C-alpha atoms as a PDB file:
ATOM      1  CA  MET A   1     142.774  10.009  93.545  1.00  0.00           C
ATOM      2  CA  LYS A   2     145.051   9.510  90.529  1.00  0.00           C
ATOM      3  CA  VAL A   3     142.015   8.985  88.337  1.00  0.00           C
ATOM      4  CA  LYS A   4     140.480  12.200  89.664  1.00  0.00           C
ATOM      5  CA  LYS A   5     143.564  14.278  89.101  1.00  0.00           C
ATOM      6  CA  LEU A   6     143.920  12.828  85.570  1.00  0.00           C
ATOM      7  CA  TRP A   7     140.334  13.826  84.818  1.00  0.00           C
ATOM      8  CA  GLN A   8     140.986  17.416  86.032  1.00  0.00           C
ATOM      9  CA  VAL A   9     144.107  17.796  83.903  1.00  0.00           C
ATOM     10  CA  THR A  10     142.303  16.383  80.868  1.00  0.00           C
ATOM     11  CA  LEU A  11     139.351  18.793  81.317  1.00  0.00           C
ATOM     12  CA  THR A  12     141.697  21.760  81.674  1.00  0.00           C
ATOM     13  CA  PHE A  13     143.532  20.826  78.486  1.00  0.00           C
ATOM     14  CA  VAL A  14     140.250  20.476  76.533  1.00  0.00           C
ATOM     15  CA  LEU A  15     139.083  23.950  77.685  1.00  0.00           C
ATOM     16  CA  VAL A  16     142.370  25.537  76.800  1.00  0.00           C
ATOM     17  CA  THR A  17     142.300  23.912  73.405  1.00  0.00           C
ATOM     18  CA  LEU A  18     138.805  25.160  72.735  1.00  0.00           C
ATOM     19  CA  VAL A  19     139.791  28.731  73.607  1.00  0.00           C
ATOM     20  CA  LEU A  20     142.957  28.747  71.502  1.00  0.00           C
ATOM     21  CA  SER A  21     141.156  27.164  68.544  1.00  0.00           C
ATOM     22  CA  GLY A  22     138.526  29.943  68.509  1.00  0.00           C
ATOM     23  CA  CYS A  23     135.736  27.749  69.772  1.00  0.00           C
ATOM     24  CA  THR A  24     134.535  30.370  72.247  1.00  0.00           C
ATOM     25  CA  PRO A  25     131.201  31.991  72.724  1.00  0.00           C
ATOM     26  CA  GLN A  26     130.293  34.383  69.857  1.00  0.00           C
ATOM     27  CA  LYS A  27     130.606  37.563  71.922  1.00  0.00           C
ATOM     28  CA  GLN A  28     134.141  36.732  73.082  1.00  0.00           C
ATOM     29  CA  ALA A  29     135.101  35.651  69.553  1.00  0.00           C
ATOM     30  CA  ALA A  30     134.083  39.036  68.200  1.00  0.00           C
ATOM     31  CA  GLN A  31     136.277  40.763  70.781  1.00  0.00           C
ATOM     32  CA  THR A  32     139.402  38.850  69.810  1.00  0.00           C
ATOM     33  CA  GLU A  33     138.870  38.809  65.977  1.00  0.00           C
ATOM     34  CA  PRO A  34     141.828  40.643  64.212  1.00  0.00           C
ATOM     35  CA  LYS A  35     141.094  43.879  62.434  1.00  0.00           C
ATOM     36  CA  THR A  36     140.900  43.922  58.687  1.00  0.00           C
ATOM     37  CA  GLN A  37     144.296  44.667  57.094  1.00  0.00           C
ATOM     38  CA  PRO A  38     144.417  48.214  55.771  1.00  0.00           C
ATOM     39  CA  GLY A  39     144.838  48.937  52.048  1.00  0.00           C
ATOM     40  CA  THR A  40     148.102  50.198  50.664  1.00  0.00           C
ATOM     41  CA  ILE A  41     149.152  53.503  49.075  1.00  0.00           C
ATOM     42  CA  HIS A  42     152.317  53.032  47.050  1.00  0.00           C
ATOM     43  CA  PHE A  43     154.493  56.099  47.125  1.00  0.00           C
ATOM     44  CA  VAL A  44     157.451  57.221  45.002  1.00  0.00           C
ATOM     45  CA  GLN A  45     159.865  60.055  45.698  1.00  0.00           C
ATOM     46  CA  THR A  46     160.522  62.644  42.974  1.00  0.00           C
ATOM     47  CA  ASN A  47     160.787  66.395  42.341  1.00  0.00           C
ATOM     48  CA  ALA A  48     158.020  68.778  41.533  1.00  0.00           C
ATOM     49  CA  ALA A  49     158.691  68.942  37.829  1.00  0.00           C
ATOM     50  CA  ASN A  50     158.518  65.172  37.525  1.00  0.00           C
ATOM     51  CA  MET A  51     155.246  65.111  39.492  1.00  0.00           C
ATOM     52  CA  LEU A  52     153.516  67.371  36.972  1.00  0.00           C
ATOM     53  CA  THR A  53     154.863  65.320  34.027  1.00  0.00           C
ATOM     54  CA  GLN A  54     154.091  61.929  35.473  1.00  0.00           C
ATOM     55  CA  LEU A  55     150.519  62.940  36.439  1.00  0.00           C
ATOM     56  CA  LYS A  56     149.988  63.931  32.794  1.00  0.00           C
ATOM     57  CA  THR A  57     151.300  60.661  31.494  1.00  0.00           C
ATOM     58  CA  GLY A  58     149.512  58.515  34.054  1.00  0.00           C
ATOM     59  CA  GLU A  59     152.762  57.221  35.557  1.00  0.00           C
ATOM     60  CA  ILE A  60     151.397  58.293  38.981  1.00  0.00           C
ATOM     61  CA  ASP A  61     147.843  58.541  40.168  1.00  0.00           C
ATOM     62  CA  ALA A  62     148.388  61.507  42.477  1.00  0.00           C
ATOM     63  CA  PHE A  63     150.999  63.662  44.095  1.00  0.00           C
ATOM     64  CA  VAL A  64     151.465  65.736  47.239  1.00  0.00           C
ATOM     65  CA  ALA A  65     153.363  69.007  46.776  1.00  0.00           C
ATOM     66  CA  TRP A  66     153.457  72.659  47.870  1.00  0.00           C
ATOM     67  CA  GLU A  67     152.090  75.718  46.134  1.00  0.00           C
ATOM     68  CA  PRO A  68     152.118  76.712  43.418  1.00  0.00           C
ATOM     69  CA  VAL A  69     153.093  73.274  42.041  1.00  0.00           C
ATOM     70  CA  ASN A  70     149.597  71.985  42.994  1.00  0.00           C
ATOM     71  CA  ALA A  71     147.946  75.040  41.487  1.00  0.00           C
ATOM     72  CA  GLN A  72     149.912  74.661  38.242  1.00  0.00           C
ATOM     73  CA  ALA A  73     148.410  71.197  37.669  1.00  0.00           C
ATOM     74  CA  VAL A  74     144.922  72.483  38.409  1.00  0.00           C
ATOM     75  CA  THR A  75     145.058  75.686  36.325  1.00  0.00           C
ATOM     76  CA  GLU A  76     146.644  73.978  33.308  1.00  0.00           C
ATOM     77  CA  GLY A  77     143.764  71.410  33.341  1.00  0.00           C
ATOM     78  CA  THR A  78     145.717  68.229  34.128  1.00  0.00           C
ATOM     79  CA  GLY A  79     144.895  67.848  37.777  1.00  0.00           C
ATOM     80  CA  ARG A  80     142.412  68.735  40.532  1.00  0.00           C
ATOM     81  CA  TYR A  81     142.609  69.077  44.281  1.00  0.00           C
ATOM     82  CA  LEU A  82     141.581  65.900  46.108  1.00  0.00           C
ATOM     83  CA  VAL A  83     142.039  67.334  49.619  1.00  0.00           C
ATOM     84  CA  GLN A  84     143.896  70.310  51.082  1.00  0.00           C
ATOM     85  CA  SER A  85     146.339  69.681  53.880  1.00  0.00           C
ATOM     86  CA  GLY A  86     144.407  72.216  55.989  1.00  0.00           C
ATOM     87  CA  THR A  87     141.371  69.907  55.847  1.00  0.00           C
ATOM     88  CA  LEU A  88     143.463  66.979  57.175  1.00  0.00           C
ATOM     89  CA  ALA A  89     145.246  69.109  59.812  1.00  0.00           C
ATOM     90  CA  PRO A  90     143.767  72.563  60.215  1.00  0.00           C
ATOM     91  CA  ASN A  91     146.457  75.305  60.623  1.00  0.00           C
ATOM     92  CA  HIS A  92     149.219  72.860  60.630  1.00  0.00           C
ATOM     93  CA  PRO A  93     152.688  74.442  60.470  1.00  0.00           C
ATOM     94  CA  CYS A  94     154.551  74.066  57.230  1.00  0.00           C
ATOM     95  CA  SER A  95     157.683  76.148  56.613  1.00  0.00           C
ATOM     96  CA  ILE A  96     159.791  77.941  59.176  1.00  0.00           C
ATOM     97  CA  LEU A  97     162.886  80.201  59.281  1.00  0.00           C
ATOM     98  CA  ALA A  98     165.791  78.584  61.077  1.00  0.00           C
ATOM     99  CA  VAL A  99     169.401  79.604  61.949  1.00  0.00           C
ATOM    100  CA  ALA A 100     172.402  77.424  62.417  1.00  0.00           C
ATOM    101  CA  GLY A 101     173.476  76.634  65.941  1.00  0.00           C
ATOM    102  CA  THR A 102     171.556  76.729  69.182  1.00  0.00           C
ATOM    103  CA  GLU A 103     172.967  80.093  70.426  1.00  0.00           C
ATOM    104  CA  GLY A 104     174.983  83.089  69.353  1.00  0.00           C
ATOM    105  CA  ASP A 105     174.684  85.456  66.301  1.00  0.00           C
ATOM    106  CA  GLU A 106     172.207  87.652  68.189  1.00  0.00           C
ATOM    107  CA  ASP A 107     172.365  90.557  65.754  1.00  0.00           C
ATOM    108  CA  LEU A 108     171.960  88.270  62.763  1.00  0.00           C
ATOM    109  CA  ALA A 109     168.991  86.369  64.260  1.00  0.00           C
ATOM    110  CA  LEU A 110     167.304  89.679  65.189  1.00  0.00           C
ATOM    111  CA  ALA A 111     167.964  91.111  61.635  1.00  0.00           C
ATOM    112  CA  LEU A 112     166.561  88.050  59.941  1.00  0.00           C
ATOM    113  CA  THR A 113     163.561  87.998  62.121  1.00  0.00           C
ATOM    114  CA  TRP A 114     162.812  91.596  61.375  1.00  0.00           C
ATOM    115  CA  GLY A 115     163.221  90.975  57.668  1.00  0.00           C
ATOM    116  CA  ASN A 116     160.838  88.064  57.874  1.00  0.00           C
ATOM    117  CA  VAL A 117     158.215  90.054  59.801  1.00  0.00           C
ATOM    118  CA  GLN A 118     158.434  92.856  57.189  1.00  0.00           C
ATOM    119  CA  ALA A 119     158.035  90.351  54.420  1.00  0.00           C
ATOM    120  CA  VAL A 120     155.039  88.607  55.999  1.00  0.00           C
ATOM    121  CA  ASN A 121     153.383  92.009  56.603  1.00  0.00           C
ATOM    122  CA  PHE A 122     154.069  92.909  52.953  1.00  0.00           C
ATOM    123  CA  ILE A 123     152.410  89.598  51.788  1.00  0.00           C
ATOM    124  CA  ASN A 124     149.360  90.020  53.996  1.00  0.00           C
ATOM    125  CA  ASN A 125     148.756  93.648  52.999  1.00  0.00           C
ATOM    126  CA  LYS A 126     146.105  93.547  50.200  1.00  0.00           C
ATOM    127  CA  ASP A 127     147.499  96.816  48.794  1.00  0.00           C
ATOM    128  CA  ASN A 128     150.559  94.876  47.692  1.00  0.00           C
ATOM    129  CA  GLN A 129     148.591  92.175  45.877  1.00  0.00           C
ATOM    130  CA  GLU A 130     149.747  92.913  42.360  1.00  0.00           C
ATOM    131  CA  LYS A 131     153.377  93.306  43.385  1.00  0.00           C
ATOM    132  CA  LEU A 132     153.157  90.095  45.435  1.00  0.00           C
ATOM    133  CA  ILE A 133     151.822  88.172  42.370  1.00  0.00           C
ATOM    134  CA  LYS A 134     154.731  89.431  40.276  1.00  0.00           C
ATOM    135  CA  TYR A 135     157.270  88.447  42.917  1.00  0.00           C
ATOM    136  CA  ALA A 136     155.615  85.074  43.287  1.00  0.00           C
ATOM    137  CA  MET A 137     155.822  84.499  39.518  1.00  0.00           C
ATOM    138  CA  ASP A 138     159.446  85.410  39.431  1.00  0.00           C
ATOM    139  CA  PHE A 139     160.381  83.375  42.489  1.00  0.00           C
ATOM    140  CA  SER A 140     158.370  80.184  41.561  1.00  0.00           C
ATOM    141  CA  GLY A 141     158.692  80.278  37.807  1.00  0.00           C
ATOM    142  CA  ARG A 142     154.884  79.726  37.504  1.00  0.00           C
ATOM    143  CA  ASP A 143     152.328  81.665  35.590  1.00  0.00           C
ATOM    144  CA  ARG A 144     149.908  84.154  37.001  1.00  0.00           C
ATOM    145  CA  LYS A 145     146.892  81.798  37.162  1.00  0.00           C
ATOM    146  CA  ALA A 146     148.902  79.229  39.186  1.00  0.00           C
ATOM    147  CA  VAL A 147     150.280  81.842  41.501  1.00  0.00           C
ATOM    148  CA  VAL A 148     146.971  83.388  42.212  1.00  0.00           C
ATOM    149  CA  GLU A 149     145.380  79.984  42.864  1.00  0.00           C
ATOM    150  CA  GLY A 150     148.323  78.914  45.085  1.00  0.00           C
ATOM    151  CA  LEU A 151     148.229  82.077  47.210  1.00  0.00           C
ATOM    152  CA  ALA A 152     144.608  81.376  47.988  1.00  0.00           C
ATOM    153  CA  HIS A 153     145.577  78.093  49.790  1.00  0.00           C
ATOM    154  CA  THR A 154     148.518  79.488  51.819  1.00  0.00           C
ATOM    155  CA  LYS A 155     148.498  81.267  55.157  1.00  0.00           C
ATOM    156  CA  TYR A 156     151.630  83.321  55.835  1.00  0.00           C
ATOM    157  CA  VAL A 157     152.722  83.700  59.454  1.00  0.00           C
ATOM    158  CA  SER A 158     155.728  85.365  61.157  1.00  0.00           C
ATOM    159  CA  PHE A 159     155.928  82.699  63.881  1.00  0.00           C
ATOM    160  CA  PRO A 160     154.471  79.230  64.278  1.00  0.00           C
ATOM    161  CA  ASP A 161     152.032  78.312  67.020  1.00  0.00           C
ATOM    162  CA  LEU A 162     153.642  76.238  69.731  1.00  0.00           C
ATOM    163  CA  GLN A 163     150.599  74.005  70.315  1.00  0.00           C
ATOM    164  CA  GLN A 164     150.080  73.284  66.611  1.00  0.00           C
ATOM    165  CA  PHE A 165     153.770  72.444  66.315  1.00  0.00           C
ATOM    166  CA  GLU A 166     153.550  69.961  69.231  1.00  0.00           C
ATOM    167  CA  ALA A 167     150.514  68.357  67.567  1.00  0.00           C
ATOM    168  CA  PHE A 168     152.513  68.157  64.358  1.00  0.00           C
ATOM    169  CA  TYR A 169     155.339  66.536  66.269  1.00  0.00           C
ATOM    170  CA  ARG A 170     152.999  63.906  67.856  1.00  0.00           C
ATOM    171  CA  GLY A 171     151.977  62.986  64.267  1.00  0.00           C
ATOM    172  CA  LEU A 172     155.620  62.429  63.332  1.00  0.00           C
ATOM    173  CA  ARG A 173     156.107  60.356  66.417  1.00  0.00           C
ATOM    174  CA  GLN A 174     152.993  58.281  65.652  1.00  0.00           C
ATOM    175  CA  ASN A 175     154.063  57.465  62.126  1.00  0.00           C
ATOM    176  CA  GLY A 176     157.481  56.257  63.181  1.00  0.00           C
ATOM    177  CA  SER A 177     159.514  59.029  61.586  1.00  0.00           C
ATOM    178  CA  LEU A 178     161.057  60.137  64.879  1.00  0.00           C
ATOM    179  CA  ILE A 179     163.631  57.656  65.999  1.00  0.00           C
ATOM    180  CA  LYS A 180     165.057  59.467  68.979  1.00  0.00           C
ATOM    181  CA  ASP A 181     163.360  61.183  71.932  1.00  0.00           C
ATOM    182  CA  SER A 182     163.908  64.806  72.985  1.00  0.00           C
ATOM    183  CA  LYS A 183     165.477  63.498  76.223  1.00  0.00           C
ATOM    184  CA  THR A 184     168.469  62.200  74.185  1.00  0.00           C
ATOM    185  CA  LEU A 185     169.358  65.897  73.565  1.00  0.00           C
ATOM    186  CA  GLY A 186     169.144  66.677  77.249  1.00  0.00           C
ATOM    187  CA  TYR A 187     165.575  68.056  77.437  1.00  0.00           C
ATOM    188  CA  GLN A 188     163.229  67.157  80.264  1.00  0.00           C
ATOM    189  CA  ASP A 189     160.347  66.490  77.955  1.00  0.00           C
ATOM    190  CA  ASP A 190     158.996  67.305  74.508  1.00  0.00           C
ATOM    191  CA  HIS A 191     157.440  70.574  75.674  1.00  0.00           C
ATOM    192  CA  ALA A 192     160.752  71.798  76.940  1.00  0.00           C
ATOM    193  CA  PHE A 193     162.372  70.895  73.628  1.00  0.00           C
ATOM    194  CA  PHE A 194     159.863  72.912  71.604  1.00  0.00           C
ATOM    195  CA  GLN A 195     160.116  75.909  73.889  1.00  0.00           C
ATOM    196  CA  ASP A 196     163.816  75.934  73.053  1.00  0.00           C
ATOM    197  CA  PHE A 197     163.558  74.892  69.384  1.00  0.00           C
ATOM    198  CA  LEU A 198     160.951  77.531  68.674  1.00  0.00           C
ATOM    199  CA  ASN A 199     163.014  80.458  69.938  1.00  0.00           C
ATOM    200  CA  SER A 200     160.513  83.318  70.350  1.00  0.00           C
ATOM    201  CA  LYS A 201     162.826  85.873  71.962  1.00  0.00           C
ATOM    202  CA  TYR A 202     163.629  87.581  68.638  1.00  0.00           C
ATOM    203  CA  ILE A 203     160.092  87.756  67.394  1.00  0.00           C
ATOM    204  CA  ASP A 204     158.997  89.046  70.810  1.00  0.00           C
ATOM    205  CA  ARG A 205     161.650  91.778  70.627  1.00  0.00           C
ATOM    206  CA  VAL A 206     160.744  92.748  67.065  1.00  0.00           C
ATOM    207  CA  ASN A 207     157.008  92.895  67.793  1.00  0.00           C
ATOM    208  CA  ALA A 208     157.532  94.954  70.932  1.00  0.00           C
ATOM    209  CA  GLU A 209     159.835  97.416  69.180  1.00  0.00           C
ATOM    210  CA  LEU A 210     157.558  97.781  66.164  1.00  0.00           C
ATOM    211  CA  LYS A 211     154.548  98.320  68.451  1.00  0.00           C
ATOM    212  CA  GLU A 212     156.391 101.197  70.162  1.00  0.00           C
ATOM    213  CA  ASP A 213     157.867 102.535  66.924  1.00  0.00           C
ATOM    214  CA  PRO A 214     156.688 101.128  63.504  1.00  0.00           C
ATOM    215  CA  SER A 215     159.809 102.576  61.887  1.00  0.00           C
ATOM    216  CA  TRP A 216     162.186 100.748  64.169  1.00  0.00           C
ATOM    217  CA  ILE A 217     165.092  98.903  62.528  1.00  0.00           C
ATOM    218  CA  PRO A 218     167.394  96.599  64.447  1.00  0.00           C
ATOM    219  CA  PRO A 219     171.205  97.101  64.602  1.00  0.00           C
ATOM    220  CA  ALA A 220     172.976  96.372  61.265  1.00  0.00           C
ATOM    221  CA  VAL A 221     174.863  93.107  60.903  1.00  0.00           C
ATOM    222  CA  ASN A 222     178.633  93.379  60.578  1.00  0.00           C
ATOM    223  CA  SER A 223     179.368  94.016  56.919  1.00  0.00           C
ATOM    224  CA  ASN A 224     182.156  91.401  57.042  1.00  0.00           C
ATOM    225  CA  ARG A 225     179.724  88.737  58.099  1.00  0.00           C
ATOM    226  CA  GLN A 226     179.019  86.461  55.096  1.00  0.00           C
ATOM    227  CA  VAL A 227     175.518  85.032  55.210  1.00  0.00           C
ATOM    228  CA  ILE A 228     174.057  82.243  53.067  1.00  0.00           C
ATOM    229  CA  LEU A 229     170.277  82.114  53.364  1.00  0.00           C
ATOM    230  CA  GLY A 230     168.627  78.951  52.013  1.00  0.00           C
ATOM    231  CA  TYR A 231     165.186  78.149  50.709  1.00  0.00           C
ATOM    232  CA  VAL A 232     163.427  75.328  48.752  1.00  0.00           C
ATOM    233  CA  ASN A 233     163.433  75.992  45.010  1.00  0.00           C
ATOM    234  CA  GLN A 234     160.173  77.381  43.598  1.00  0.00           C
ATOM    235  CA  ASP A 235     158.370  76.918  46.925  1.00  0.00           C
ATOM    236  CA  MET A 236     156.029  79.873  47.212  1.00  0.00           C
ATOM    237  CA  HIS A 237     155.670  79.108  50.941  1.00  0.00           C
ATOM    238  CA  GLN A 238     159.280  80.446  51.353  1.00  0.00           C
ATOM    239  CA  ILE A 239     159.026  83.615  49.343  1.00  0.00           C
ATOM    240  CA  GLN A 240     159.717  85.858  52.369  1.00  0.00           C
ATOM    241  CA  GLY A 241     163.490  85.890  51.826  1.00  0.00           C
ATOM    242  CA  TYR A 242     163.069  86.831  48.204  1.00  0.00           C
ATOM    243  CA  ILE A 243     160.643  89.645  49.044  1.00  0.00           C
ATOM    244  CA  ALA A 244     162.921  90.922  51.853  1.00  0.00           C
ATOM    245  CA  ALA A 245     165.757  91.156  49.364  1.00  0.00           C
ATOM    246  CA  GLN A 246     163.706  92.791  46.641  1.00  0.00           C
ATOM    247  CA  GLU A 247     162.006  95.254  48.955  1.00  0.00           C
ATOM    248  CA  GLY A 248     165.322  96.317  50.554  1.00  0.00           C
ATOM    249  CA  TYR A 249     164.518  95.024  54.021  1.00  0.00           C
ATOM    250  CA  TYR A 250     167.758  93.050  54.260  1.00  0.00           C
ATOM    251  CA  SER A 251     169.862  95.958  53.067  1.00  0.00           C
ATOM    252  CA  LYS A 252     168.471  98.074  55.886  1.00  0.00           C
ATOM    253  CA  VAL A 253     169.952  95.670  58.442  1.00  0.00           C
ATOM    254  CA  GLY A 254     173.286  95.385  56.771  1.00  0.00           C
ATOM    255  CA  LEU A 255     172.618  92.273  54.676  1.00  0.00           C
ATOM    256  CA  VAL A 256     173.285  93.295  51.052  1.00  0.00           C
ATOM    257  CA  PRO A 257     172.457  90.724  48.378  1.00  0.00           C
ATOM    258  CA  GLY A 258     175.566  89.973  46.208  1.00  0.00           C
ATOM    259  CA  ARG A 259     177.909  91.497  48.798  1.00  0.00           C
ATOM    260  CA  ASN A 260     177.545  89.751  52.172  1.00  0.00           C
ATOM    261  CA  LEU A 261     174.211  87.916  51.562  1.00  0.00           C
ATOM    262  CA  GLN A 262     173.619  85.026  49.243  1.00  0.00           C
ATOM    263  CA  LEU A 263     170.229  83.360  48.718  1.00  0.00           C
ATOM    264  CA  LYS A 264     170.680  79.702  47.741  1.00  0.00           C
ATOM    265  CA  GLY A 265     167.995  77.248  46.651  1.00  0.00           C
ATOM    266  CA  TYR A 266     167.713  73.487  47.498  1.00  0.00           C
ATOM    267  CA  ALA A 267     165.607  70.628  46.241  1.00  0.00           C
ATOM    268  CA  ASN A 268     163.686  70.129  49.476  1.00  0.00           C
ATOM    269  CA  GLY A 269     163.910  70.533  53.253  1.00  0.00           C
ATOM    270  CA  VAL A 270     165.913  67.343  53.678  1.00  0.00           C
ATOM    271  CA  ALA A 271     168.613  68.789  51.396  1.00  0.00           C
ATOM    272  CA  VAL A 272     168.533  71.986  53.471  1.00  0.00           C
ATOM    273  CA  MET A 273     169.219  70.025  56.639  1.00  0.00           C
ATOM    274  CA  GLU A 274     172.100  68.256  54.967  1.00  0.00           C
ATOM    275  CA  ALA A 275     173.497  71.654  54.194  1.00  0.00           C
ATOM    276  CA  PHE A 276     173.070  72.692  57.804  1.00  0.00           C
ATOM    277  CA  LYS A 277     174.848  69.540  58.825  1.00  0.00           C
ATOM    278  CA  VAL A 278     177.991  70.270  56.819  1.00  0.00           C
ATOM    279  CA  LYS A 279     177.865  73.944  57.969  1.00  0.00           C
ATOM    280  CA  GLU A 280     177.163  75.248  54.428  1.00  0.00           C
ATOM    281  CA  LEU A 281     174.197  77.439  55.554  1.00  0.00           C
ATOM    282  CA  THR A 282     173.875  80.345  57.991  1.00  0.00           C
ATOM    283  CA  ALA A 283     170.088  80.285  57.964  1.00  0.00           C
ATOM    284  CA  SER A 284     167.283  78.927  55.841  1.00  0.00           C
ATOM    285  CA  TYR A 285     163.570  78.638  55.184  1.00  0.00           C
ATOM    286  CA  LEU A 286     162.536  74.981  55.215  1.00  0.00           C
ATOM    287  CA  GLY A 287     159.751  72.672  56.141  1.00  0.00           C
ATOM    288  CA  GLY A 288     158.994  72.055  59.814  1.00  0.00           C
ATOM    289  CA  ALA A 289     158.997  68.271  59.380  1.00  0.00           C
ATOM    290  CA  PRO A 290     162.607  67.845  58.195  1.00  0.00           C
ATOM    291  CA  ALA A 291     163.762  70.503  60.655  1.00  0.00           C
ATOM    292  CA  VAL A 292     162.338  68.656  63.668  1.00  0.00           C
ATOM    293  CA  LEU A 293     163.204  65.201  62.367  1.00  0.00           C
ATOM    294  CA  ARG A 294     166.873  65.923  61.682  1.00  0.00           C
ATOM    295  CA  ARG A 295     167.266  68.075  64.781  1.00  0.00           C
ATOM    296  CA  LEU A 296     166.095  65.194  66.979  1.00  0.00           C
ATOM    297  CA  ASN A 297     167.247  62.117  64.974  1.00  0.00           C
ATOM    298  CA  ASP A 298     170.637  63.433  63.910  1.00  0.00           C
ATOM    299  CA  GLY A 299     171.313  66.188  66.419  1.00  0.00           C
ATOM    300  CA  ILE A 300     171.767  68.860  63.687  1.00  0.00           C
ATOM    301  CA  ALA A 301     171.989  72.134  65.719  1.00  0.00           C
ATOM    302  CA  ILE A 302     169.422  74.693  64.427  1.00  0.00           C
ATOM    303  CA  ARG A 303     166.800  76.814  66.076  1.00  0.00           C
ATOM    304  CA  ALA A 304     163.579  78.222  64.534  1.00  0.00           C
ATOM    305  CA  ILE A 305     163.389  82.004  64.864  1.00  0.00           C
ATOM    306  CA  GLY A 306     160.425  82.697  62.638  1.00  0.00           C
ATOM    307  CA  GLY A 307     157.455  81.201  60.858  1.00  0.00           C
ATOM    308  CA  SER A 308     156.829  81.107  57.123  1.00  0.00           C
ATOM    309  CA  ASN A 309     153.355  79.578  56.469  1.00  0.00           C
ATOM    310  CA  ASN A 310     150.674  77.284  57.655  1.00  0.00           C
ATOM    311  CA  GLU A 311     148.890  74.776  55.425  1.00  0.00           C
ATOM    312  CA  GLY A 312     149.435  75.123  51.660  1.00  0.00           C
ATOM    313  CA  SER A 313     150.025  71.519  50.675  1.00  0.00           C
ATOM    314  CA  ALA A 314     147.494  69.247  48.996  1.00  0.00           C
ATOM    315  CA  ILE A 315     146.898  65.855  47.435  1.00  0.00           C
ATOM    316  CA  VAL A 316     146.361  66.370  43.693  1.00  0.00           C
ATOM    317  CA  VAL A 317     144.910  63.763  41.329  1.00  0.00           C
ATOM    318  CA  GLY A 318     144.305  63.685  37.593  1.00  0.00           C
ATOM    319  CA  LYS A 319     141.512  65.939  36.378  1.00  0.00           C
ATOM    320  CA  ASN A 320     139.503  63.075  35.046  1.00  0.00           C
ATOM    321  CA  SER A 321     140.589  60.550  37.634  1.00  0.00           C
ATOM    322  CA  PRO A 322     137.904  58.296  39.202  1.00  0.00           C
ATOM    323  CA  ILE A 323     139.569  58.966  42.598  1.00  0.00           C
ATOM    324  CA  GLN A 324     137.062  60.907  44.720  1.00  0.00           C
ATOM    325  CA  SER A 325     138.345  60.394  48.249  1.00  0.00           C
ATOM    326  CA  VAL A 326     141.531  59.490  50.102  1.00  0.00           C
ATOM    327  CA  SER A 327     140.203  55.939  50.537  1.00  0.00           C
ATOM    328  CA  ASP A 328     140.264  55.616  46.723  1.00  0.00           C
ATOM    329  CA  LEU A 329     144.034  55.957  46.835  1.00  0.00           C
ATOM    330  CA  ALA A 330     144.273  52.311  48.009  1.00  0.00           C
ATOM    331  CA  ASP A 331     146.509  50.387  45.605  1.00  0.00           C
ATOM    332  CA  LYS A 332     147.388  53.611  43.707  1.00  0.00           C
ATOM    333  CA  THR A 333     150.735  55.341  43.282  1.00  0.00           C
ATOM    334  CA  VAL A 334     151.358  58.749  44.800  1.00  0.00           C
ATOM    335  CA  ALA A 335     154.427  60.887  44.451  1.00  0.00           C
ATOM    336  CA  ILE A 336     155.936  62.883  47.257  1.00  0.00           C
ATOM    337  CA  PRO A 337     159.065  65.116  47.297  1.00  0.00           C
ATOM    338  CA  GLY A 338     160.731  62.848  49.853  1.00  0.00           C
ATOM    339  CA  LEU A 339     160.460  61.027  53.148  1.00  0.00           C
ATOM    340  CA  GLY A 340     160.773  63.366  56.135  1.00  0.00           C
ATOM    341  CA  THR A 341     159.163  66.257  54.247  1.00  0.00           C
ATOM    342  CA  VAL A 342     155.960  68.037  55.259  1.00  0.00           C
ATOM    343  CA  GLN A 343     154.285  66.519  52.151  1.00  0.00           C
ATOM    344  CA  GLY A 344     155.376  63.019  53.204  1.00  0.00           C
ATOM    345  CA  TYR A 345     153.863  63.660  56.599  1.00  0.00           C
ATOM    346  CA  ILE A 346     150.625  64.884  55.015  1.00  0.00           C
ATOM    347  CA  LEU A 347     150.260  61.708  52.917  1.00  0.00           C
ATOM    348  CA  ASP A 348     150.961  59.530  55.937  1.00  0.00           C
ATOM    349  CA  LEU A 349     148.366  61.432  57.979  1.00  0.00           C
ATOM    350  CA  ALA A 350     145.787  61.059  55.259  1.00  0.00           C
ATOM    351  CA  ALA A 351     146.515  57.305  55.003  1.00  0.00           C
ATOM    352  CA  ARG A 352     146.267  56.796  58.760  1.00  0.00           C
ATOM    353  CA  GLN A 353     142.951  58.730  58.909  1.00  0.00           C
ATOM    354  CA  ASN A 354     141.532  56.405  56.371  1.00  0.00           C
ATOM    355  CA  ASN A 355     142.868  53.047  57.596  1.00  0.00           C
ATOM    356  CA  LEU A 356     145.486  52.827  54.887  1.00  0.00           C
ATOM    357  CA  ARG A 357     149.224  52.282  55.033  1.00  0.00           C
ATOM    358  CA  LEU A 358     152.139  53.521  52.971  1.00  0.00           C
ATOM    359  CA  GLN A 359     154.583  51.392  51.076  1.00  0.00           C
ATOM    360  CA  ALA A 360     157.477  52.445  48.900  1.00  0.00           C
ATOM    361  CA  LYS A 361     157.094  51.332  45.261  1.00  0.00           C
END
């Protein structure tokens, strides 16, 4: 009996050893074989001006930016579009209009929403094309060719689509940017969070009133109310605030530039969220990615009351670069404006879609 048991133990040990050593039938071995390690895209973080310069000098192989930075590289002959963000994620949300706090300031929120709607309508009215181009040149500091090219790749909207925003959120969750869950802020689930974060009550009111009376103007904001409205410097996606000021929309609702309204520029959406955190801003245009990330990860109290644009970012490579596809970015250096930005999200999405990974250089 002892000999029989010893034989059984020995046979079991041999079989286990064969399995662990990979000496299994070919079909089973194929199932357990590890996947090939993905290639690596090296990224650096810098501002738009540096991106343009470094692409010219060859210090970077590509960059991801907003319009009209991308268009500037293309129209001046130093770069070309590799892929538009809308190809990677059709109709993805980009910039939004947000106000500080999660409640209150009803008159201000309504006034800013109305101004945003008027500005978006102005932009999308073809009769205003020449005036829009001039405003865009003044706001962005870019030339006419770059502005016209950039406008062709940007969709302006007065409110983001909830389903698209949730898909955007899932991408942020997948790439590991989101550390905390919406439940940590007291929401039942992610859908409940977005229904609250994307506060549609003001846009619904504005649209309803304008449908009834196209000349409707909301109640004026208290003239003693000091408002600082932020935006990302030279980002044509966020031109609505500039247009609303220039066209007199804000003045009609009691927000007078230079008196009780100040427009203030920031380097990127992450910097805008830092300003919200220290209560420097009343409201701001900024990218949806940093808004959601910092709202959830850091609990910074803001709510989106309007949209700004969809799509409008792109991966740009040197004009004569041999890079012809995203997969060719393996082992190359790509500049982004920062982690936690829409452009950082777009690069990560492009990498994951092509079995690549990102690594800081």
